[in-house]
Amino acid sequence: NLAREVVLATGLPPSLPAYTVNRACASANQAIVD
């Protein structure tokens, strides 16, 4: 879960909701839409 690991490793509040999506080549675009 890349997003959760980023939160925990960057000093963002650990309570920050974070999740990772996979849509092949559109994964980052899906993250933006979400």
Full PDB file with SEQRES, HELIX, SHEET, SSBOND, CRYST1, ORIGX, SCALE, CONECT and MASTER records, all heavy atoms in Angstrom:
SEQRES   1 A   34  ASN LEU ALA ARG GLU VAL VAL LEU ALA THR GLY LEU PRO          
SEQRES   2 A   34  PRO SER LEU PRO ALA TYR THR VAL ASN ARG ALA CYS ALA          
SEQRES   3 A   34  SER ALA ASN GLN ALA ILE VAL ASP                              
HELIX    1 AA1 LEU A    2  THR A   10  1                                   9    
HELIX    2 AA2 ALA A   24  ALA A   26  5                                   3    
HELIX    3 AA3 SER A   27  VAL A   33  1                                   7    
CRYST1    1.000    1.000    1.000  90.00  90.00  90.00 P 1           1          
ORIGX1      1.000000  0.000000  0.000000        0.00000                         
ORIGX2      0.000000  1.000000  0.000000        0.00000                         
ORIGX3      0.000000  0.000000  1.000000        0.00000                         
SCALE1      1.000000  0.000000  0.000000        0.00000                         
SCALE2      0.000000  1.000000  0.000000        0.00000                         
SCALE3      0.000000  0.000000  1.000000        0.00000                         
ATOM      1  N   ASN A   1       0.865  -1.177   0.000  1.00  0.00           N  
ATOM      2  CA  ASN A   1       0.000   0.000   0.000  1.00  0.00           C  
ATOM      3  C   ASN A   1       0.903   1.228   0.000  1.00  0.00           C  
ATOM      4  O   ASN A   1       1.199   1.808   1.043  1.00  0.00           O  
ATOM      5  CB  ASN A   1      -0.945   0.002   1.201  1.00  0.00           C  
ATOM      6  CG  ASN A   1      -1.937   1.157   1.150  1.00  0.00           C  
ATOM      7  OD1 ASN A   1      -1.855   2.034   0.293  1.00  0.00           O  
ATOM      8  ND2 ASN A   1      -2.869   1.154   2.080  1.00  0.00           N  
ATOM      9  N   LEU A   2       1.337   1.623  -1.188  1.00  0.00           N  
ATOM     10  CA  LEU A   2       2.284   2.716  -1.354  1.00  0.00           C  
ATOM     11  C   LEU A   2       1.825   3.986  -0.642  1.00  0.00           C  
ATOM     12  O   LEU A   2       2.611   4.644   0.042  1.00  0.00           O  
ATOM     13  CB  LEU A   2       2.489   2.989  -2.850  1.00  0.00           C  
ATOM     14  CG  LEU A   2       3.426   4.127  -3.213  1.00  0.00           C  
ATOM     15  CD1 LEU A   2       4.843   3.803  -2.792  1.00  0.00           C  
ATOM     16  CD2 LEU A   2       3.355   4.403  -4.700  1.00  0.00           C  
ATOM     17  N   ALA A   3       0.554   4.340  -0.771  1.00  0.00           N  
ATOM     18  CA  ALA A   3       0.051   5.580  -0.176  1.00  0.00           C  
ATOM     19  C   ALA A   3       0.211   5.580   1.342  1.00  0.00           C  
ATOM     20  O   ALA A   3       0.638   6.579   1.934  1.00  0.00           O  
ATOM     21  CB  ALA A   3      -1.411   5.791  -0.556  1.00  0.00           C  
ATOM     22  N   ARG A   4      -0.134   4.495   2.003  1.00  0.00           N  
ATOM     23  CA  ARG A   4       0.001   4.415   3.460  1.00  0.00           C  
ATOM     24  C   ARG A   4       1.468   4.548   3.857  1.00  0.00           C  
ATOM     25  O   ARG A   4       1.813   5.244   4.814  1.00  0.00           O  
ATOM     26  CB  ARG A   4      -0.584   3.082   3.959  1.00  0.00           C  
ATOM     27  CG  ARG A   4      -0.347   2.745   5.403  1.00  0.00           C  
ATOM     28  CD  ARG A   4      -0.840   3.703   6.467  1.00  0.00           C  
ATOM     29  NE  ARG A   4      -2.137   4.255   6.258  1.00  0.00           N  
ATOM     30  CZ  ARG A   4      -2.509   5.471   6.687  1.00  0.00           C  
ATOM     31  NH1 ARG A   4      -1.685   6.230   7.370  1.00  0.00           N  
ATOM     32  NH2 ARG A   4      -3.708   5.934   6.458  1.00  0.00           N  
ATOM     33  N   GLU A   5       2.359   3.890   3.127  1.00  0.00           N  
ATOM     34  CA  GLU A   5       3.792   3.961   3.420  1.00  0.00           C  
ATOM     35  C   GLU A   5       4.312   5.387   3.249  1.00  0.00           C  
ATOM     36  O   GLU A   5       5.151   5.846   4.025  1.00  0.00           O  
ATOM     37  CB  GLU A   5       4.579   3.004   2.520  1.00  0.00           C  
ATOM     38  CG  GLU A   5       4.239   1.543   2.718  1.00  0.00           C  
ATOM     39  CD  GLU A   5       4.646   0.997   4.068  1.00  0.00           C  
ATOM     40  OE1 GLU A   5       5.580   1.531   4.707  1.00  0.00           O  
ATOM     41  OE2 GLU A   5       4.029   0.007   4.506  1.00  0.00           O  
ATOM     42  N   VAL A   6       3.810   6.103   2.240  1.00  0.00           N  
ATOM     43  CA  VAL A   6       4.216   7.493   2.021  1.00  0.00           C  
ATOM     44  C   VAL A   6       3.800   8.348   3.214  1.00  0.00           C  
ATOM     45  O   VAL A   6       4.584   9.157   3.714  1.00  0.00           O  
ATOM     46  CB  VAL A   6       3.628   8.044   0.705  1.00  0.00           C  
ATOM     47  CG1 VAL A   6       3.750   9.549   0.627  1.00  0.00           C  
ATOM     48  CG2 VAL A   6       4.311   7.396  -0.495  1.00  0.00           C  
ATOM     49  N   VAL A   7       2.576   8.177   3.682  1.00  0.00           N  
ATOM     50  CA  VAL A   7       2.105   8.939   4.839  1.00  0.00           C  
ATOM     51  C   VAL A   7       3.020   8.687   6.032  1.00  0.00           C  
ATOM     52  O   VAL A   7       3.477   9.628   6.700  1.00  0.00           O  
ATOM     53  CB  VAL A   7       0.643   8.584   5.188  1.00  0.00           C  
ATOM     54  CG1 VAL A   7       0.263   9.108   6.569  1.00  0.00           C  
ATOM     55  CG2 VAL A   7      -0.301   9.141   4.131  1.00  0.00           C  
ATOM     56  N   LEU A   8       3.298   7.433   6.321  1.00  0.00           N  
ATOM     57  CA  LEU A   8       4.089   7.084   7.498  1.00  0.00           C  
ATOM     58  C   LEU A   8       5.541   7.535   7.399  1.00  0.00           C  
ATOM     59  O   LEU A   8       6.191   7.775   8.413  1.00  0.00           O  
ATOM     60  CB  LEU A   8       4.024   5.574   7.746  1.00  0.00           C  
ATOM     61  CG  LEU A   8       2.628   5.036   8.067  1.00  0.00           C  
ATOM     62  CD1 LEU A   8       2.663   3.511   8.158  1.00  0.00           C  
ATOM     63  CD2 LEU A   8       2.063   5.657   9.335  1.00  0.00           C  
ATOM     64  N   ALA A   9       6.055   7.689   6.173  1.00  0.00           N  
ATOM     65  CA  ALA A   9       7.472   8.023   5.988  1.00  0.00           C  
ATOM     66  C   ALA A   9       7.743   9.504   5.745  1.00  0.00           C  
ATOM     67  O   ALA A   9       8.900   9.894   5.663  1.00  0.00           O  
ATOM     68  CB  ALA A   9       8.020   7.208   4.823  1.00  0.00           C  
ATOM     69  N   THR A  10       6.709  10.319   5.637  1.00  0.00           N  
ATOM     70  CA  THR A  10       6.938  11.720   5.286  1.00  0.00           C  
ATOM     71  C   THR A  10       6.543  12.712   6.367  1.00  0.00           C  
ATOM     72  O   THR A  10       6.605  13.915   6.144  1.00  0.00           O  
ATOM     73  CB  THR A  10       6.176  12.084   3.994  1.00  0.00           C  
ATOM     74  OG1 THR A  10       4.790  11.823   4.189  1.00  0.00           O  
ATOM     75  CG2 THR A  10       6.716  11.329   2.798  1.00  0.00           C  
ATOM     76  N   GLY A  11       6.122  12.232   7.504  1.00  0.00           N  
ATOM     77  CA  GLY A  11       5.751  13.149   8.564  1.00  0.00           C  
ATOM     78  C   GLY A  11       4.332  13.675   8.457  1.00  0.00           C  
ATOM     79  O   GLY A  11       3.940  14.557   9.223  1.00  0.00           O  
ATOM     80  N   LEU A  12       3.560  13.145   7.524  1.00  0.00           N  
ATOM     81  CA  LEU A  12       2.150  13.510   7.465  1.00  0.00           C  
ATOM     82  C   LEU A  12       1.449  12.847   8.652  1.00  0.00           C  
ATOM     83  O   LEU A  12       1.937  11.841   9.180  1.00  0.00           O  
ATOM     84  CB  LEU A  12       1.540  13.048   6.139  1.00  0.00           C  
ATOM     85  CG  LEU A  12       2.067  13.765   4.901  1.00  0.00           C  
ATOM     86  CD1 LEU A  12       1.565  13.080   3.630  1.00  0.00           C  
ATOM     87  CD2 LEU A  12       1.656  15.228   4.900  1.00  0.00           C  
ATOM     88  N   PRO A  13       0.319  13.377   9.084  1.00  0.00           N  
ATOM     89  CA  PRO A  13      -0.360  12.770  10.231  1.00  0.00           C  
ATOM     90  C   PRO A  13      -0.689  11.294   9.977  1.00  0.00           C  
ATOM     91  O   PRO A  13      -1.274  10.958   8.946  1.00  0.00           O  
ATOM     92  CB  PRO A  13      -1.650  13.593  10.354  1.00  0.00           C  
ATOM     93  CG  PRO A  13      -1.352  14.890   9.673  1.00  0.00           C  
ATOM     94  CD  PRO A  13      -0.386  14.563   8.574  1.00  0.00           C  
ATOM     95  N   PRO A  14      -0.320  10.399  10.877  1.00  0.00           N  
ATOM     96  CA  PRO A  14      -0.590   8.972  10.679  1.00  0.00           C  
ATOM     97  C   PRO A  14      -2.075   8.650  10.532  1.00  0.00           C  
ATOM     98  O   PRO A  14      -2.432   7.621   9.971  1.00  0.00           O  
ATOM     99  CB  PRO A  14      -0.022   8.298  11.929  1.00  0.00           C  
ATOM    100  CG  PRO A  14       0.874   9.299  12.553  1.00  0.00           C  
ATOM    101  CD  PRO A  14       0.429  10.651  12.105  1.00  0.00           C  
ATOM    102  N   SER A  15      -2.932   9.534  11.009  1.00  0.00           N  
ATOM    103  CA  SER A  15      -4.375   9.316  10.891  1.00  0.00           C  
ATOM    104  C   SER A  15      -4.918   9.682   9.507  1.00  0.00           C  
ATOM    105  O   SER A  15      -6.083   9.427   9.216  1.00  0.00           O  
ATOM    106  CB  SER A  15      -5.112  10.147  11.946  1.00  0.00           C  
ATOM    107  OG  SER A  15      -4.826  11.531  11.746  1.00  0.00           O  
ATOM    108  N   LEU A  16      -4.073  10.231   8.648  1.00  0.00           N  
ATOM    109  CA  LEU A  16      -4.497  10.643   7.306  1.00  0.00           C  
ATOM    110  C   LEU A  16      -4.936   9.420   6.494  1.00  0.00           C  
ATOM    111  O   LEU A  16      -4.160   8.483   6.314  1.00  0.00           O  
ATOM    112  CB  LEU A  16      -3.348  11.348   6.592  1.00  0.00           C  
ATOM    113  CG  LEU A  16      -3.583  11.792   5.161  1.00  0.00           C  
ATOM    114  CD1 LEU A  16      -4.657  12.861   5.091  1.00  0.00           C  
ATOM    115  CD2 LEU A  16      -2.288  12.324   4.566  1.00  0.00           C  
ATOM    116  N   PRO A  17      -6.167   9.402   5.996  1.00  0.00           N  
ATOM    117  CA  PRO A  17      -6.601   8.279   5.150  1.00  0.00           C  
ATOM    118  C   PRO A  17      -5.751   8.223   3.874  1.00  0.00           C  
ATOM    119  O   PRO A  17      -5.538   9.244   3.218  1.00  0.00           O  
ATOM    120  CB  PRO A  17      -8.057   8.611   4.822  1.00  0.00           C  
ATOM    121  CG  PRO A  17      -8.494   9.575   5.872  1.00  0.00           C  
ATOM    122  CD  PRO A  17      -7.256  10.360   6.234  1.00  0.00           C  
ATOM    123  N   ALA A  18      -5.278   7.028   3.548  1.00  0.00           N  
ATOM    124  CA  ALA A  18      -4.422   6.872   2.377  1.00  0.00           C  
ATOM    125  C   ALA A  18      -4.611   5.479   1.790  1.00  0.00           C  
ATOM    126  O   ALA A  18      -4.644   4.499   2.524  1.00  0.00           O  
ATOM    127  CB  ALA A  18      -2.960   7.078   2.761  1.00  0.00           C  
ATOM    128  N   TYR A  19      -4.747   5.418   0.471  1.00  0.00           N  
ATOM    129  CA  TYR A  19      -4.854   4.123  -0.190  1.00  0.00           C  
ATOM    130  C   TYR A  19      -4.243   4.196  -1.581  1.00  0.00           C  
ATOM    131  O   TYR A  19      -4.012   5.265  -2.128  1.00  0.00           O  
ATOM    132  CB  TYR A  19      -6.306   3.628  -0.234  1.00  0.00           C  
ATOM    133  CG  TYR A  19      -7.253   4.479  -1.052  1.00  0.00           C  
ATOM    134  CD1 TYR A  19      -7.478   4.219  -2.400  1.00  0.00           C  
ATOM    135  CD2 TYR A  19      -7.939   5.540  -0.464  1.00  0.00           C  
ATOM    136  CE1 TYR A  19      -8.353   4.997  -3.136  1.00  0.00           C  
ATOM    137  CE2 TYR A  19      -8.821   6.308  -1.191  1.00  0.00           C  
ATOM    138  CZ  TYR A  19      -9.020   6.031  -2.539  1.00  0.00           C  
ATOM    139  OH  TYR A  19      -9.886   6.792  -3.271  1.00  0.00           O  
ATOM    140  N   THR A  20      -3.992   3.022  -2.139  1.00  0.00           N  
ATOM    141  CA  THR A  20      -3.340   2.891  -3.436  1.00  0.00           C  
ATOM    142  C   THR A  20      -4.296   2.250  -4.427  1.00  0.00           C  
ATOM    143  O   THR A  20      -5.034   1.330  -4.065  1.00  0.00           O  
ATOM    144  CB  THR A  20      -2.064   2.027  -3.286  1.00  0.00           C  
ATOM    145  OG1 THR A  20      -1.222   2.640  -2.296  1.00  0.00           O  
ATOM    146  CG2 THR A  20      -1.308   1.915  -4.597  1.00  0.00           C  
ATOM    147  N   VAL A  21      -4.282   2.744  -5.660  1.00  0.00           N  
ATOM    148  CA  VAL A  21      -5.125   2.194  -6.721  1.00  0.00           C  
ATOM    149  C   VAL A  21      -4.251   1.629  -7.830  1.00  0.00           C  
ATOM    150  O   VAL A  21      -3.102   2.027  -8.003  1.00  0.00           O  
ATOM    151  CB  VAL A  21      -6.096   3.254  -7.305  1.00  0.00           C  
ATOM    152  CG1 VAL A  21      -7.095   3.690  -6.255  1.00  0.00           C  
ATOM    153  CG2 VAL A  21      -5.346   4.444  -7.862  1.00  0.00           C  
ATOM    154  N   ASN A  22      -4.824   0.691  -8.577  1.00  0.00           N  
ATOM    155  CA  ASN A  22      -4.130   0.098  -9.719  1.00  0.00           C  
ATOM    156  C   ASN A  22      -5.095   0.010 -10.878  1.00  0.00           C  
ATOM    157  O   ASN A  22      -6.084  -0.726 -10.817  1.00  0.00           O  
ATOM    158  CB  ASN A  22      -3.616  -1.297  -9.351  1.00  0.00           C  
ATOM    159  CG  ASN A  22      -2.928  -1.967 -10.526  1.00  0.00           C  
ATOM    160  OD1 ASN A  22      -3.401  -1.932 -11.659  1.00  0.00           O  
ATOM    161  ND2 ASN A  22      -1.809  -2.590 -10.262  1.00  0.00           N  
ATOM    162  N   ARG A  23      -4.815   0.758 -11.932  1.00  0.00           N  
ATOM    163  CA  ARG A  23      -5.594   0.692 -13.168  1.00  0.00           C  
ATOM    164  C   ARG A  23      -4.637   0.663 -14.342  1.00  0.00           C  
ATOM    165  O   ARG A  23      -4.765   1.453 -15.278  1.00  0.00           O  
ATOM    166  CB  ARG A  23      -6.526   1.891 -13.277  1.00  0.00           C  
ATOM    167  CG  ARG A  23      -7.696   1.746 -12.338  1.00  0.00           C  
ATOM    168  CD  ARG A  23      -8.900   2.510 -12.707  1.00  0.00           C  
ATOM    169  NE  ARG A  23      -9.445   2.173 -14.000  1.00  0.00           N  
ATOM    170  CZ  ARG A  23     -10.261   2.983 -14.660  1.00  0.00           C  
ATOM    171  NH1 ARG A  23     -10.599   4.147 -14.159  1.00  0.00           N  
ATOM    172  NH2 ARG A  23     -10.740   2.625 -15.823  1.00  0.00           N  
ATOM    173  N   ALA A  24      -3.650  -0.205 -14.246  1.00  0.00           N  
ATOM    174  CA  ALA A  24      -2.622  -0.328 -15.289  1.00  0.00           C  
ATOM    175  C   ALA A  24      -2.026   1.053 -15.559  1.00  0.00           C  
ATOM    176  O   ALA A  24      -1.635   1.725 -14.622  1.00  0.00           O  
ATOM    177  CB  ALA A  24      -3.181  -0.999 -16.531  1.00  0.00           C  
ATOM    178  N   CYS A  25      -1.991   1.482 -16.799  1.00  0.00           N  
ATOM    179  CA  CYS A  25      -1.330   2.747 -17.143  1.00  0.00           C  
ATOM    180  C   CYS A  25      -2.101   3.983 -16.682  1.00  0.00           C  
ATOM    181  O   CYS A  25      -1.586   5.091 -16.762  1.00  0.00           O  
ATOM    182  CB  CYS A  25      -1.091   2.820 -18.645  1.00  0.00           C  
ATOM    183  SG  CYS A  25       0.062   1.559 -19.209  1.00  0.00           S  
ATOM    184  N   ALA A  26      -3.304   3.820 -16.196  1.00  0.00           N  
ATOM    185  CA  ALA A  26      -4.119   4.957 -15.745  1.00  0.00           C  
ATOM    186  C   ALA A  26      -4.153   5.076 -14.226  1.00  0.00           C  
ATOM    187  O   ALA A  26      -5.006   5.774 -13.684  1.00  0.00           O  
ATOM    188  CB  ALA A  26      -5.532   4.815 -16.293  1.00  0.00           C  
ATOM    189  N   SER A  27      -3.235   4.431 -13.529  1.00  0.00           N  
ATOM    190  CA  SER A  27      -3.278   4.406 -12.064  1.00  0.00           C  
ATOM    191  C   SER A  27      -3.163   5.795 -11.443  1.00  0.00           C  
ATOM    192  O   SER A  27      -3.942   6.150 -10.563  1.00  0.00           O  
ATOM    193  CB  SER A  27      -2.188   3.481 -11.518  1.00  0.00           C  
ATOM    194  OG  SER A  27      -2.412   2.157 -11.953  1.00  0.00           O  
ATOM    195  N   ALA A  28      -2.205   6.587 -11.857  1.00  0.00           N  
ATOM    196  CA  ALA A  28      -2.047   7.935 -11.293  1.00  0.00           C  
ATOM    197  C   ALA A  28      -3.255   8.796 -11.648  1.00  0.00           C  
ATOM    198  O   ALA A  28      -3.718   9.587 -10.813  1.00  0.00           O  
ATOM    199  CB  ALA A  28      -0.761   8.579 -11.781  1.00  0.00           C  
ATOM    200  N   ASN A  29      -3.771   8.648 -12.868  1.00  0.00           N  
ATOM    201  CA  ASN A  29      -4.970   9.403 -13.246  1.00  0.00           C  
ATOM    202  C   ASN A  29      -6.150   9.015 -12.367  1.00  0.00           C  
ATOM    203  O   ASN A  29      -6.942   9.867 -11.975  1.00  0.00           O  
ATOM    204  CB  ASN A  29      -5.316   9.176 -14.716  1.00  0.00           C  
ATOM    205  CG  ASN A  29      -4.311   9.821 -15.646  1.00  0.00           C  
ATOM    206  OD1 ASN A  29      -3.556  10.696 -15.242  1.00  0.00           O  
ATOM    207  ND2 ASN A  29      -4.297   9.374 -16.887  1.00  0.00           N  
ATOM    208  N   GLN A  30      -6.284   7.734 -12.052  1.00  0.00           N  
ATOM    209  CA  GLN A  30      -7.363   7.294 -11.171  1.00  0.00           C  
ATOM    210  C   GLN A  30      -7.196   7.896  -9.781  1.00  0.00           C  
ATOM    211  O   GLN A  30      -8.174   8.273  -9.132  1.00  0.00           O  
ATOM    212  CB  GLN A  30      -7.416   5.768 -11.084  1.00  0.00           C  
ATOM    213  CG  GLN A  30      -8.576   5.256 -10.246  1.00  0.00           C  
ATOM    214  CD  GLN A  30      -9.915   5.587 -10.877  1.00  0.00           C  
ATOM    215  OE1 GLN A  30     -10.157   5.236 -12.024  1.00  0.00           O  
ATOM    216  NE2 GLN A  30     -10.779   6.273 -10.138  1.00  0.00           N  
ATOM    217  N   ALA A  31      -5.960   7.987  -9.309  1.00  0.00           N  
ATOM    218  CA  ALA A  31      -5.703   8.603  -8.006  1.00  0.00           C  
ATOM    219  C   ALA A  31      -6.175  10.062  -8.008  1.00  0.00           C  
ATOM    220  O   ALA A  31      -6.807  10.522  -7.046  1.00  0.00           O  
ATOM    221  CB  ALA A  31      -4.219   8.515  -7.658  1.00  0.00           C  
ATOM    222  N   ILE A  32      -5.899  10.772  -9.085  1.00  0.00           N  
ATOM    223  CA  ILE A  32      -6.329  12.172  -9.198  1.00  0.00           C  
ATOM    224  C   ILE A  32      -7.847  12.259  -9.186  1.00  0.00           C  
ATOM    225  O   ILE A  32      -8.426  13.092  -8.484  1.00  0.00           O  
ATOM    226  CB  ILE A  32      -5.743  12.814 -10.475  1.00  0.00           C  
ATOM    227  CG1 ILE A  32      -4.218  12.890 -10.362  1.00  0.00           C  
ATOM    228  CG2 ILE A  32      -6.353  14.191 -10.726  1.00  0.00           C  
ATOM    229  CD1 ILE A  32      -3.511  13.191 -11.672  1.00  0.00           C  
ATOM    230  N   VAL A  33      -8.502  11.397  -9.943  1.00  0.00           N  
ATOM    231  CA  VAL A  33      -9.967  11.386  -9.990  1.00  0.00           C  
ATOM    232  C   VAL A  33     -10.543  11.075  -8.606  1.00  0.00           C  
ATOM    233  O   VAL A  33     -11.502  11.715  -8.162  1.00  0.00           O  
ATOM    234  CB  VAL A  33     -10.479  10.382 -11.044  1.00  0.00           C  
ATOM    235  CG1 VAL A  33     -11.975  10.150 -10.913  1.00  0.00           C  
ATOM    236  CG2 VAL A  33     -10.126  10.862 -12.449  1.00  0.00           C  
ATOM    237  N   ASP A  34      -9.957  10.110  -7.908  1.00  0.00           N  
ATOM    238  CA  ASP A  34     -10.463   9.749  -6.572  1.00  0.00           C  
ATOM    239  C   ASP A  34     -10.387  10.928  -5.605  1.00  0.00           C  
ATOM    240  O   ASP A  34     -11.327  11.179  -4.844  1.00  0.00           O  
ATOM    241  CB  ASP A  34      -9.704   8.556  -6.008  1.00  0.00           C  
ATOM    242  CG  ASP A  34     -10.121   7.225  -6.616  1.00  0.00           C  
ATOM    243  OD1 ASP A  34     -10.869   7.212  -7.612  1.00  0.00           O  
ATOM    244  OD2 ASP A  34      -9.679   6.191  -6.082  1.00  0.00           O  
TER     245      ASP A  34                                                      
MASTER        0    0    0    3    0    0    0    6  244    1    0    3          
END                                                                             
